[in-house]
Amino acid sequence: MPINSESSSYLCDLVDRILLGDSRELIKKIPNQSIDCIFTDPPYGLGKKAIKNDDNLDIFYELLPEFFRVLKEDRFFITFFSTKNLPLLFENNPFTYFWQFILYCPEGSVRSPIGFTKFMSCFLFKKGKARLVSWKTDIFKDTPGKMVEPDEGFINHPTPKPKHFIKEILKMVTRELDIVLDPFLGSGSTAVACKQLNRRYIGFEIDPEYYRLAVKRTDKISNPLIPLAD
């Protein structure tokens, strides 16, 4: 679906919304090269019971071509990924690797082959000749407690990502009013970060409970944005 007046109008209907459903179907509604940034935390194929479709990486691989289709030229795709399955991230990946971010988790208690893991990996890929908006760093520190946001309290999700981390990266790769897509929105951290930074967002979430959590979190933020231009 190329960008034209009809598809542009349809895109306006999706922006600043969280949609409940399967990202494989919902992403088909997004026109070609209409997204300024993709930032997500997909199923890693680790078999976590609380995360739907986490049995393998089939959905991730299925969506990679769609991510490439909807992302504008010279823009960034950012994704968390499992250290255990890291080599698989680069298989049949249409994007070009750019850099890696580390989220240091002092209170991390996830078992790994070496004991306990104290960090999470987040990878920055580019389409075309993407350039950073600003420079910062590549190591950040997690929030004080597991599943806790200092200004929100407990986040009822098995793997919520801290919005301060997402915000810092978004400031490096996007500008105000850019449209950010998160096709695996989870607890809603990407949408919350976008709203606080005056970025547009489109979020997909398949689990009704996490969908309601994400909507609840974004609804608490009173930050009206400038209407999207036709």
Protein backbone atom coordinates (compact mmCIF):
# COMPACT_ATOMS: atom_id res chain seq x y z
CA MET A 1 0.00 0.00 0.00
CA PRO A 2 1.86 3.13 -1.18
CA ILE A 3 1.40 6.50 0.50
CA ASN A 4 -1.46 8.45 -1.07
CA SER A 5 -4.31 10.60 0.23
CA GLU A 6 -6.40 7.56 1.14
CA SER A 7 -3.62 5.64 2.91
CA SER A 8 -2.40 8.82 4.62
CA SER A 9 -5.89 9.35 6.02
CA TYR A 10 -5.98 5.74 7.21
CA LEU A 11 -2.59 6.15 8.88
CA CYS A 12 -3.99 9.12 10.80
CA ASP A 13 -6.66 6.79 12.20
CA LEU A 14 -3.97 4.45 13.59
CA VAL A 15 -1.63 7.03 15.09
CA ASP A 16 -1.65 7.60 18.87
CA ARG A 17 -3.63 4.41 19.34
CA ILE A 18 -3.04 0.99 20.89
CA LEU A 19 -4.72 -1.80 18.95
CA LEU A 20 -5.68 -5.18 20.38
CA GLY A 21 -4.86 -8.01 17.99
CA ASP A 22 -2.24 -10.03 16.14
CA SER A 23 0.57 -7.84 14.82
CA ARG A 24 0.85 -10.05 11.73
CA GLU A 25 -2.60 -8.89 10.65
CA LEU A 26 -2.58 -5.36 12.05
CA ILE A 27 0.66 -4.35 10.35
CA LYS A 28 -0.96 -4.95 6.97
CA LYS A 29 -3.03 -1.81 7.65
CA ILE A 30 0.10 0.38 7.70
CA PRO A 31 1.12 1.97 4.35
CA ASN A 32 4.58 1.45 2.86
CA GLN A 33 7.39 3.64 4.21
CA SER A 34 5.14 5.57 6.61
CA ILE A 35 6.84 4.81 9.96
CA ASP A 36 9.75 6.90 11.29
CA CYS A 37 11.03 4.33 13.79
CA ILE A 38 10.26 0.80 15.00
CA PHE A 39 11.07 0.07 18.64
CA THR A 40 9.95 -3.24 20.09
CA ASP A 41 10.47 -6.12 22.50
CA PRO A 42 9.40 -9.23 20.54
CA PRO A 43 8.89 -12.82 21.72
CA TYR A 44 12.40 -14.26 22.02
CA GLY A 45 11.58 -17.93 21.52
CA LEU A 46 12.36 -18.75 25.16
CA GLY A 47 9.06 -20.49 25.90
CA LYS A 48 7.83 -18.11 28.61
CA LYS A 49 4.27 -19.10 29.49
CA ALA A 50 3.22 -15.53 30.31
CA ILE A 51 4.24 -14.28 26.84
CA LYS A 52 2.12 -15.37 23.89
CA ASN A 53 3.83 -16.89 20.83
CA ASP A 54 7.15 -17.22 22.69
CA ASP A 55 7.66 -20.88 21.69
CA ASN A 56 9.89 -19.94 18.76
CA LEU A 57 10.96 -17.03 16.55
CA ASP A 58 8.56 -17.72 13.69
CA ILE A 59 6.50 -14.56 14.24
CA PHE A 60 9.59 -12.39 14.45
CA TYR A 61 10.93 -13.76 11.17
CA GLU A 62 7.53 -13.43 9.53
CA LEU A 63 7.29 -9.79 10.51
CA LEU A 64 10.82 -8.67 9.58
CA PRO A 65 9.90 -8.07 5.89
CA GLU A 66 6.82 -6.14 7.03
CA PHE A 67 8.96 -4.01 9.35
CA PHE A 68 11.20 -3.23 6.40
CA ARG A 69 8.18 -2.38 4.23
CA VAL A 70 6.55 0.11 6.60
CA LEU A 71 9.74 1.82 7.81
CA LYS A 72 10.80 4.91 5.93
CA GLU A 73 14.13 4.96 4.13
CA ASP A 74 17.13 6.06 6.23
CA ARG A 75 15.45 5.27 9.55
CA PHE A 76 16.08 2.94 12.49
CA PHE A 77 14.67 -0.38 13.74
CA ILE A 78 15.42 -1.08 17.43
CA THR A 79 14.71 -4.36 19.16
CA PHE A 80 15.42 -6.13 22.41
CA PHE A 81 16.61 -9.68 21.94
CA SER A 82 17.66 -12.71 23.94
CA THR A 83 21.40 -13.17 24.55
CA LYS A 84 20.81 -16.91 24.35
CA ASN A 85 19.38 -16.68 20.83
CA LEU A 86 21.50 -13.77 19.66
CA PRO A 87 22.94 -15.39 16.48
CA LEU A 88 19.37 -15.95 15.25
CA LEU A 89 18.71 -12.20 15.24
CA PHE A 90 20.90 -11.81 12.15
CA GLU A 91 19.38 -14.62 10.10
CA ASN A 92 17.40 -13.38 7.08
CA ASN A 93 17.42 -9.88 8.55
CA PRO A 94 16.83 -7.23 5.83
CA PHE A 95 18.19 -4.43 8.04
CA THR A 96 21.83 -3.45 8.52
CA TYR A 97 23.34 -3.79 12.00
CA PHE A 98 24.35 -0.41 13.46
CA TRP A 99 25.07 -0.76 17.21
CA GLN A 100 24.12 -2.40 20.52
CA PHE A 101 22.72 -0.89 23.73
CA ILE A 102 23.08 -2.49 27.14
CA LEU A 103 20.54 -2.13 29.94
CA TYR A 104 22.41 -2.93 33.16
CA CYS A 105 20.10 -4.64 35.68
CA PRO A 106 21.69 -4.70 39.18
CA GLU A 107 18.77 -6.67 40.60
CA GLY A 108 18.58 -9.10 37.69
CA SER A 109 17.88 -12.70 38.70
CA VAL A 110 17.39 -14.47 35.38
CA ARG A 111 19.24 -17.79 35.17
CA SER A 112 21.81 -18.20 32.42
CA PRO A 113 24.60 -20.67 31.53
CA ILE A 114 27.02 -18.57 33.59
CA GLY A 115 24.79 -18.02 36.65
CA PHE A 116 22.61 -14.90 36.78
CA THR A 117 22.24 -12.39 33.97
CA LYS A 118 22.61 -8.75 34.97
CA PHE A 119 21.94 -7.07 31.63
CA MET A 120 19.57 -6.93 28.67
CA SER A 121 20.58 -6.37 25.06
CA CYS A 122 18.91 -3.94 22.69
CA PHE A 123 20.03 -3.75 19.07
CA LEU A 124 19.99 -0.84 16.67
CA PHE A 125 19.53 -1.62 12.98
CA LYS A 126 19.24 0.81 10.10
CA LYS A 127 17.45 0.95 6.78
CA GLY A 128 19.39 2.82 4.14
CA LYS A 129 21.73 5.54 5.40
CA ALA A 130 20.07 6.35 8.72
CA ARG A 131 21.88 8.88 10.92
CA LEU A 132 21.55 9.57 14.63
CA VAL A 133 19.70 12.69 15.70
CA SER A 134 21.93 13.04 18.79
CA TRP A 135 24.76 11.21 20.53
CA LYS A 136 24.50 9.83 24.06
CA THR A 137 25.91 6.52 25.31
CA ASP A 138 25.30 2.79 24.92
CA ILE A 139 24.98 1.63 28.56
CA PHE A 140 22.03 2.53 30.79
CA LYS A 141 20.93 1.43 34.26
CA ASP A 142 17.63 -0.31 34.96
CA THR A 143 14.96 1.02 37.31
CA PRO A 144 15.49 0.35 41.07
CA GLY A 145 13.29 -2.73 41.35
CA LYS A 146 12.06 -5.51 39.11
CA MET A 147 8.73 -4.64 37.44
CA VAL A 148 8.71 -1.21 39.11
CA GLU A 149 8.62 2.26 37.58
CA PRO A 150 9.64 4.94 40.13
CA ASP A 151 6.78 7.29 39.17
CA GLU A 152 4.17 4.58 38.54
CA GLY A 153 4.87 1.76 40.97
CA PHE A 154 4.43 -1.92 40.17
CA ILE A 155 3.90 -2.81 36.50
CA ASN A 156 1.90 -6.02 36.25
CA HIS A 157 3.79 -7.58 33.33
CA PRO A 158 6.48 -10.30 33.43
CA THR A 159 9.03 -8.33 31.39
CA PRO A 160 8.26 -4.57 31.41
CA LYS A 161 10.99 -2.45 29.88
CA PRO A 162 11.86 0.83 31.67
CA LYS A 163 10.52 3.83 29.82
CA HIS A 164 13.52 5.99 30.75
CA PHE A 165 15.72 3.63 28.72
CA ILE A 166 13.37 3.75 25.73
CA LYS A 167 13.15 7.54 25.98
CA GLU A 168 16.92 7.98 25.90
CA ILE A 169 17.24 5.86 22.78
CA LEU A 170 14.27 7.54 21.07
CA LYS A 171 15.94 10.91 21.66
CA MET A 172 18.95 9.57 19.77
CA VAL A 173 17.04 8.32 16.73
CA THR A 174 13.80 10.32 16.39
CA ARG A 175 12.46 13.87 16.42
CA GLU A 176 9.28 15.36 17.85
CA LEU A 177 6.09 14.17 16.11
CA ASP A 178 7.88 11.24 14.46
CA ILE A 179 5.70 8.10 14.28
CA VAL A 180 7.06 5.17 16.31
CA LEU A 181 5.65 1.67 15.84
CA ASP A 182 5.81 -1.00 18.54
CA PRO A 183 4.21 -4.20 17.17
CA PHE A 184 4.72 -6.07 20.49
CA LEU A 185 3.72 -3.34 22.91
CA GLY A 186 3.42 -5.44 26.06
CA SER A 187 3.06 -3.23 29.13
CA GLY A 188 2.99 -0.09 27.00
CA SER A 189 6.39 1.42 27.84
CA THR A 190 7.13 2.50 24.26
CA ALA A 191 3.81 4.32 23.95
CA VAL A 192 4.30 5.99 27.34
CA ALA A 193 7.81 7.09 26.35
CA CYS A 194 6.53 8.48 23.04
CA LYS A 195 3.75 10.41 24.70
CA GLN A 196 6.15 11.94 27.22
CA LEU A 197 8.58 12.90 24.44
CA ASN A 198 5.94 14.32 22.07
CA ARG A 199 6.39 11.49 19.58
CA ARG A 200 3.53 9.77 17.79
CA TYR A 201 3.01 6.07 18.38
CA ILE A 202 1.18 3.02 17.06
CA GLY A 203 1.08 0.01 19.36
CA PHE A 204 -0.10 -3.57 18.79
CA GLU A 205 -0.74 -6.02 21.63
CA ILE A 206 -2.29 -9.48 21.35
CA ASP A 207 -2.92 -10.15 25.05
CA PRO A 208 -6.11 -8.43 26.35
CA GLU A 209 -4.72 -8.04 29.87
CA TYR A 210 -1.52 -6.35 28.72
CA TYR A 211 -3.49 -4.29 26.21
CA ARG A 212 -5.62 -2.87 29.03
CA LEU A 213 -2.50 -2.19 31.08
CA ALA A 214 -0.88 -0.28 28.21
CA VAL A 215 -4.02 1.77 27.58
CA LYS A 216 -4.32 2.57 31.29
CA ARG A 217 -0.72 3.75 31.46
CA THR A 218 -0.97 6.00 28.40
CA ASP A 219 -4.33 7.42 29.47
CA LYS A 220 -2.73 8.76 32.64
CA ILE A 221 -0.47 11.05 30.62
CA SER A 222 -2.10 14.36 29.76
CA ASN A 223 0.12 15.55 26.93
CA PRO A 224 -2.01 16.60 23.95
CA LEU A 225 -0.13 16.40 20.66
CA ILE A 226 -0.48 18.60 17.61
CA PRO A 227 -2.95 16.99 15.18
CA LEU A 228 -1.25 14.87 12.51
CA ALA A 229 -1.09 16.68 9.18
CA ASP A 230 -3.01 15.19 6.26
